[in-house]
PDB file of N, CA and C in Angstrom:
ATOM      1  N   MET A   1       8.121 -17.215   3.923  1.00  0.00           N
ATOM      2  CA  MET A   1       7.729 -16.968   5.305  1.00  0.00           C
ATOM      3  C   MET A   1       8.420 -15.699   5.799  1.00  0.00           C
ATOM      4  N   HIS A   2       7.664 -14.822   6.459  1.00  0.00           N
ATOM      5  CA  HIS A   2       8.174 -13.549   6.973  1.00  0.00           C
ATOM      6  C   HIS A   2       8.611 -13.721   8.423  1.00  0.00           C
ATOM      7  N   THR A   3       9.822 -13.313   8.717  1.00  0.00           N
ATOM      8  CA  THR A   3      10.323 -13.342  10.089  1.00  0.00           C
ATOM      9  C   THR A   3      10.324 -11.917  10.611  1.00  0.00           C
ATOM     10  N   ALA A   4       9.738 -11.707  11.771  1.00  0.00           N
ATOM     11  CA  ALA A   4       9.643 -10.372  12.352  1.00  0.00           C
ATOM     12  C   ALA A   4      11.021  -9.861  12.746  1.00  0.00           C
ATOM     13  N   THR A   5      11.259  -8.596  12.469  1.00  0.00           N
ATOM     14  CA  THR A   5      12.487  -7.955  12.931  1.00  0.00           C
ATOM     15  C   THR A   5      12.232  -7.409  14.330  1.00  0.00           C
ATOM     16  N   PRO A   6      13.281  -7.102  15.078  1.00  0.00           N
ATOM     17  CA  PRO A   6      13.071  -6.575  16.444  1.00  0.00           C
ATOM     18  C   PRO A   6      12.194  -5.329  16.481  1.00  0.00           C
ATOM     19  N   GLN A   7      12.227  -4.504  15.431  1.00  0.00           N
ATOM     20  CA  GLN A   7      11.404  -3.302  15.409  1.00  0.00           C
ATOM     21  C   GLN A   7       9.922  -3.629  15.256  1.00  0.00           C
ATOM     22  N   GLU A   8       9.591  -4.783  14.714  1.00  0.00           N
ATOM     23  CA  GLU A   8       8.202  -5.158  14.488  1.00  0.00           C
ATOM     24  C   GLU A   8       7.576  -5.852  15.695  1.00  0.00           C
ATOM     25  N   VAL A   9       8.371  -6.266  16.636  1.00  0.00           N
ATOM     26  CA  VAL A   9       7.880  -7.020  17.784  1.00  0.00           C
ATOM     27  C   VAL A   9       7.689  -6.074  18.969  1.00  0.00           C
ATOM     28  N   THR A  10       6.478  -6.040  19.490  1.00  0.00           N
ATOM     29  CA  THR A  10       6.201  -5.296  20.709  1.00  0.00           C
ATOM     30  C   THR A  10       5.913  -6.319  21.792  1.00  0.00           C
ATOM     31  N   PRO A  11       6.782  -6.413  22.783  1.00  0.00           N
ATOM     32  CA  PRO A  11       6.591  -7.445  23.802  1.00  0.00           C
ATOM     33  C   PRO A  11       5.336  -7.193  24.638  1.00  0.00           C
ATOM     34  N   GLN A  12       4.771  -8.270  25.123  1.00  0.00           N
ATOM     35  CA  GLN A  12       3.587  -8.172  25.973  1.00  0.00           C
ATOM     36  C   GLN A  12       3.963  -7.684  27.375  1.00  0.00           C
ATOM     37  N   TRP A  13       5.154  -7.999  27.820  1.00  0.00           N
ATOM     38  CA  TRP A  13       5.629  -7.613  29.143  1.00  0.00           C
ATOM     39  C   TRP A  13       6.830  -6.694  28.980  1.00  0.00           C
ATOM     40  N   LEU A  14       6.765  -5.519  29.581  1.00  0.00           N
ATOM     41  CA  LEU A  14       7.785  -4.488  29.417  1.00  0.00           C
ATOM     42  C   LEU A  14       8.622  -4.303  30.680  1.00  0.00           C
ATOM     43  N   ARG A  15       9.888  -4.016  30.507  1.00  0.00           N
ATOM     44  CA  ARG A  15      10.730  -3.582  31.625  1.00  0.00           C
ATOM     45  C   ARG A  15      10.294  -2.175  32.008  1.00  0.00           C
ATOM     46  N   PHE A  16      10.692  -1.718  33.200  1.00  0.00           N
ATOM     47  CA  PHE A  16      10.289  -0.381  33.655  1.00  0.00           C
ATOM     48  C   PHE A  16      10.657   0.696  32.643  1.00  0.00           C
ATOM     49  N   ALA A  17      11.908   0.688  32.163  1.00  0.00           N
ATOM     50  CA  ALA A  17      12.351   1.733  31.233  1.00  0.00           C
ATOM     51  C   ALA A  17      11.512   1.727  29.957  1.00  0.00           C
ATOM     52  N   ALA A  18      11.197   0.547  29.447  1.00  0.00           N
ATOM     53  CA  ALA A  18      10.382   0.452  28.234  1.00  0.00           C
ATOM     54  C   ALA A  18       8.955   0.925  28.516  1.00  0.00           C
ATOM     55  N   ALA A  19       8.408   0.591  29.683  1.00  0.00           N
ATOM     56  CA  ALA A  19       7.057   1.021  30.053  1.00  0.00           C
ATOM     57  C   ALA A  19       7.003   2.539  30.214  1.00  0.00           C
ATOM     58  N   GLU A  20       8.055   3.127  30.779  1.00  0.00           N
ATOM     59  CA  GLU A  20       8.123   4.585  30.916  1.00  0.00           C
ATOM     60  C   GLU A  20       8.118   5.250  29.539  1.00  0.00           C
ATOM     61  N   SER A  21       8.946   4.756  28.659  1.00  0.00           N
ATOM     62  CA  SER A  21       9.040   5.303  27.310  1.00  0.00           C
ATOM     63  C   SER A  21       7.739   5.096  26.546  1.00  0.00           C
ATOM     64  N   TYR A  22       7.169   3.918  26.655  1.00  0.00           N
ATOM     65  CA  TYR A  22       5.942   3.548  25.945  1.00  0.00           C
ATOM     66  C   TYR A  22       4.760   4.422  26.378  1.00  0.00           C
ATOM     67  N   SER A  23       4.639   4.645  27.691  1.00  0.00           N
ATOM     68  CA  SER A  23       3.458   5.331  28.222  1.00  0.00           C
ATOM     69  C   SER A  23       3.659   6.816  28.480  1.00  0.00           C
ATOM     70  N   GLY A  24       4.912   7.234  28.643  1.00  0.00           N
ATOM     71  CA  GLY A  24       5.173   8.617  29.016  1.00  0.00           C
ATOM     72  C   GLY A  24       5.009   8.867  30.505  1.00  0.00           C
ATOM     73  N   LEU A  25       4.786   7.811  31.274  1.00  0.00           N
ATOM     74  CA  LEU A  25       4.646   7.921  32.723  1.00  0.00           C
ATOM     75  C   LEU A  25       5.992   7.691  33.384  1.00  0.00           C
ATOM     76  N   GLY A  26       6.182   8.275  34.555  1.00  0.00           N
ATOM     77  CA  GLY A  26       7.430   8.109  35.289  1.00  0.00           C
ATOM     78  C   GLY A  26       7.443   6.849  36.138  1.00  0.00           C
ATOM     79  N   ARG A  27       8.624   6.518  36.623  1.00  0.00           N
ATOM     80  CA  ARG A  27       8.807   5.319  37.438  1.00  0.00           C
ATOM     81  C   ARG A  27       7.951   5.353  38.708  1.00  0.00           C
ATOM     82  N   THR A  28       7.878   6.511  39.355  1.00  0.00           N
ATOM     83  CA  THR A  28       7.084   6.639  40.586  1.00  0.00           C
ATOM     84  C   THR A  28       5.606   6.378  40.302  1.00  0.00           C
ATOM     85  N   THR A  29       5.094   6.940  39.211  1.00  0.00           N
ATOM     86  CA  THR A  29       3.692   6.739  38.846  1.00  0.00           C
ATOM     87  C   THR A  29       3.433   5.281  38.504  1.00  0.00           C
ATOM     88  N   LEU A  30       4.318   4.675  37.718  1.00  0.00           N
ATOM     89  CA  LEU A  30       4.146   3.261  37.371  1.00  0.00           C
ATOM     90  C   LEU A  30       4.168   2.391  38.621  1.00  0.00           C
ATOM     91  N   THR A  31       5.080   2.674  39.540  1.00  0.00           N
ATOM     92  CA  THR A  31       5.149   1.905  40.788  1.00  0.00           C
ATOM     93  C   THR A  31       3.851   2.024  41.568  1.00  0.00           C
ATOM     94  N   ARG A  32       3.307   3.237  41.650  1.00  0.00           N
ATOM     95  CA  ARG A  32       2.042   3.448  42.357  1.00  0.00           C
ATOM     96  C   ARG A  32       0.910   2.677  41.682  1.00  0.00           C
ATOM     97  N   LEU A  33       0.863   2.707  40.354  1.00  0.00           N
ATOM     98  CA  LEU A  33      -0.194   2.000  39.625  1.00  0.00           C
ATOM     99  C   LEU A  33      -0.093   0.487  39.807  1.00  0.00           C
ATOM    100  N   ILE A  34       1.122  -0.015  39.900  1.00  0.00           N
ATOM    101  CA  ILE A  34       1.318  -1.447  40.168  1.00  0.00           C
ATOM    102  C   ILE A  34       0.855  -1.780  41.580  1.00  0.00           C
ATOM    103  N   ASN A  35       1.268  -0.966  42.546  1.00  0.00           N
ATOM    104  CA  ASN A  35       0.931  -1.226  43.952  1.00  0.00           C
ATOM    105  C   ASN A  35      -0.561  -1.124  44.233  1.00  0.00           C
ATOM    106  N   THR A  36      -1.273  -0.278  43.486  1.00  0.00           N
ATOM    107  CA  THR A  36      -2.724  -0.153  43.687  1.00  0.00           C
ATOM    108  C   THR A  36      -3.508  -1.159  42.851  1.00  0.00           C
ATOM    109  N   GLY A  37      -2.811  -1.891  41.982  1.00  0.00           N
ATOM    110  CA  GLY A  37      -3.482  -2.884  41.153  1.00  0.00           C
ATOM    111  C   GLY A  37      -4.121  -2.305  39.904  1.00  0.00           C
ATOM    112  N   ASP A  38      -3.834  -1.038  39.594  1.00  0.00           N
ATOM    113  CA  ASP A  38      -4.403  -0.418  38.394  1.00  0.00           C
ATOM    114  C   ASP A  38      -3.793  -0.990  37.119  1.00  0.00           C
ATOM    115  N   ILE A  39      -2.535  -1.412  37.180  1.00  0.00           N
ATOM    116  CA  ILE A  39      -1.913  -2.099  36.061  1.00  0.00           C
ATOM    117  C   ILE A  39      -1.280  -3.385  36.572  1.00  0.00           C
ATOM    118  N   ARG A  40      -1.198  -4.375  35.686  1.00  0.00           N
ATOM    119  CA  ARG A  40      -0.658  -5.682  36.064  1.00  0.00           C
ATOM    120  C   ARG A  40       0.847  -5.699  35.882  1.00  0.00           C
ATOM    121  N   ALA A  41       1.511  -6.374  36.795  1.00  0.00           N
ATOM    122  CA  ALA A  41       2.953  -6.553  36.703  1.00  0.00           C
ATOM    123  C   ALA A  41       3.306  -7.910  37.278  1.00  0.00           C
ATOM    124  N   ALA A  42       4.438  -8.427  36.857  1.00  0.00           N
ATOM    125  CA  ALA A  42       4.914  -9.723  37.351  1.00  0.00           C
ATOM    126  C   ALA A  42       6.335  -9.553  37.852  1.00  0.00           C
ATOM    127  N   ARG A  43       6.625 -10.197  38.961  1.00  0.00           N
ATOM    128  CA  ARG A  43       7.993 -10.204  39.485  1.00  0.00           C
ATOM    129  C   ARG A  43       8.643 -11.507  39.059  1.00  0.00           C
ATOM    130  N   ILE A  44       9.796 -11.364  38.397  1.00  0.00           N
ATOM    131  CA  ILE A  44      10.582 -12.514  37.991  1.00  0.00           C
ATOM    132  C   ILE A  44      11.950 -12.327  38.627  1.00  0.00           C
ATOM    133  N   GLY A  45      12.188 -13.067  39.701  1.00  0.00           N
ATOM    134  CA  GLY A  45      13.411 -12.827  40.471  1.00  0.00           C
ATOM    135  C   GLY A  45      13.353 -11.437  41.060  1.00  0.00           C
ATOM    136  N   LYS A  46      14.362 -10.617  40.774  1.00  0.00           N
ATOM    137  CA  LYS A  46      14.372  -9.236  41.254  1.00  0.00           C
ATOM    138  C   LYS A  46      13.791  -8.266  40.227  1.00  0.00           C
ATOM    139  N   SER A  47      13.496  -8.777  39.045  1.00  0.00           N
ATOM    140  CA  SER A  47      12.982  -7.931  37.969  1.00  0.00           C
ATOM    141  C   SER A  47      11.462  -7.839  38.006  1.00  0.00           C
ATOM    142  N   ILE A  48      10.964  -6.722  37.528  1.00  0.00           N
ATOM    143  CA  ILE A  48       9.522  -6.530  37.401  1.00  0.00           C
ATOM    144  C   ILE A  48       9.222  -6.282  35.933  1.00  0.00           C
ATOM    145  N   ARG A  49       8.192  -6.937  35.434  1.00  0.00           N
ATOM    146  CA  ARG A  49       7.728  -6.736  34.074  1.00  0.00           C
ATOM    147  C   ARG A  49       6.293  -6.215  34.140  1.00  0.00           C
ATOM    148  N   ILE A  50       6.032  -5.185  33.357  1.00  0.00           N
ATOM    149  CA  ILE A  50       4.730  -4.532  33.346  1.00  0.00           C
ATOM    150  C   ILE A  50       3.961  -4.989  32.110  1.00  0.00           C
ATOM    151  N   ASN A  51       2.715  -5.379  32.318  1.00  0.00           N
ATOM    152  CA  ASN A  51       1.888  -5.873  31.231  1.00  0.00           C
ATOM    153  C   ASN A  51       1.449  -4.712  30.338  1.00  0.00           C
ATOM    154  N   ARG A  52       1.841  -4.766  29.064  1.00  0.00           N
ATOM    155  CA  ARG A  52       1.543  -3.694  28.115  1.00  0.00           C
ATOM    156  C   ARG A  52       0.043  -3.516  27.904  1.00  0.00           C
ATOM    157  N   LEU A  53      -0.701  -4.601  27.799  1.00  0.00           N
ATOM    158  CA  LEU A  53      -2.143  -4.515  27.586  1.00  0.00           C
ATOM    159  C   LEU A  53      -2.831  -3.820  28.763  1.00  0.00           C
ATOM    160  N   SER A  54      -2.437  -4.141  29.993  1.00  0.00           N
ATOM    161  CA  SER A  54      -3.072  -3.493  31.147  1.00  0.00           C
ATOM    162  C   SER A  54      -2.698  -2.008  31.204  1.00  0.00           C
ATOM    163  N   LEU A  55      -1.505  -1.668  30.736  1.00  0.00           N
ATOM    164  CA  LEU A  55      -1.095  -0.267  30.658  1.00  0.00           C
ATOM    165  C   LEU A  55      -1.945   0.471  29.620  1.00  0.00           C
ATOM    166  N   ASP A  56      -2.156  -0.163  28.458  1.00  0.00           N
ATOM    167  CA  ASP A  56      -3.033   0.420  27.428  1.00  0.00           C
ATOM    168  C   ASP A  56      -4.450   0.611  27.969  1.00  0.00           C
ATOM    169  N   GLU A  57      -4.962  -0.406  28.653  1.00  0.00           N
ATOM    170  CA  GLU A  57      -6.324  -0.328  29.192  1.00  0.00           C
ATOM    171  C   GLU A  57      -6.435   0.779  30.236  1.00  0.00           C
ATOM    172  N   TYR A  58      -5.418   0.915  31.088  1.00  0.00           N
ATOM    173  CA  TYR A  58      -5.423   1.981  32.088  1.00  0.00           C
ATOM    174  C   TYR A  58      -5.483   3.350  31.407  1.00  0.00           C
ATOM    175  N   MET A  59      -4.653   3.534  30.388  1.00  0.00           N
ATOM    176  CA  MET A  59      -4.625   4.819  29.684  1.00  0.00           C
ATOM    177  C   MET A  59      -5.972   5.086  29.007  1.00  0.00           C
ATOM    178  N   GLU A  60      -6.578   4.074  28.409  1.00  0.00           N
ATOM    179  CA  GLU A  60      -7.890   4.237  27.760  1.00  0.00           C
ATOM    180  C   GLU A  60      -8.971   4.615  28.771  1.00  0.00           C
ATOM    181  N   ARG A  61      -8.915   4.039  29.963  1.00  0.00           N
ATOM    182  CA  ARG A  61      -9.908   4.358  31.004  1.00  0.00           C
ATOM    183  C   ARG A  61      -9.790   5.803  31.467  1.00  0.00           C
ATOM    184  N   HIS A  62      -8.628   6.404  31.264  1.00  0.00           N
ATOM    185  CA  HIS A  62      -8.406   7.766  31.765  1.00  0.00           C
ATOM    186  C   HIS A  62      -8.338   8.817  30.653  1.00  0.00           C
ATOM    187  N   VAL A  63      -8.866   8.480  29.488  1.00  0.00           N
ATOM    188  CA  VAL A  63      -8.960   9.439  28.396  1.00  0.00           C
ATOM    189  C   VAL A  63     -10.073  10.427  28.716  1.00  0.00           C
ATOM    190  N   PHE A  64      -9.826  11.689  28.437  1.00  0.00           N
ATOM    191  CA  PHE A  64     -10.874  12.680  28.634  1.00  0.00           C
ATOM    192  C   PHE A  64     -11.001  13.517  27.378  1.00  0.00           C
ATOM    193  N   GLY A  65     -12.065  14.308  27.306  1.00  0.00           N
ATOM    194  CA  GLY A  65     -12.436  14.999  26.083  1.00  0.00           C
ATOM    195  C   GLY A  65     -11.510  16.083  25.604  1.00  0.00           C
ATOM    196  N   GLY A  66     -10.792  16.711  26.478  1.00  0.00           N
ATOM    197  CA  GLY A  66      -9.928  17.807  26.035  1.00  0.00           C
ATOM    198  C   GLY A  66      -9.268  18.481  27.204  1.00  0.00           C
ATOM    199  N   ILE A  67      -8.410  19.386  26.891  1.00  0.00           N
ATOM    200  CA  ILE A  67      -7.690  20.134  27.928  1.00  0.00           C
ATOM    201  C   ILE A  67      -8.310  21.507  28.035  1.00  0.00           C
ATOM    202  N   GLU A  68      -8.746  21.832  29.246  1.00  0.00           N
ATOM    203  CA  GLU A  68      -9.328  23.148  29.484  1.00  0.00           C
ATOM    204  C   GLU A  68      -8.219  24.071  29.965  1.00  0.00           C
ATOM    205  N   GLY A  69      -8.292  25.305  29.599  1.00  0.00           N
ATOM    206  CA  GLY A  69      -7.226  26.165  30.064  1.00  0.00           C
ATOM    207  C   GLY A  69      -7.489  27.562  29.935  1.00  0.00           C
TER     208      GLY A  69
END
């Protein structure tokens, strides 16, 4: 039986710092996306956890064809 190591496990709910690192978005942007309902988050006590799947879906919805310049 294979037991997952911490490097193999990607949590479904991320802390702010992990969500920032994962997505490349800043805390202010993540807060705005949570407040507008664009991404899902849960409050547990004073902590907030951001749903990784909703973050992935948000990023996929905002993919565009290329950078013009």
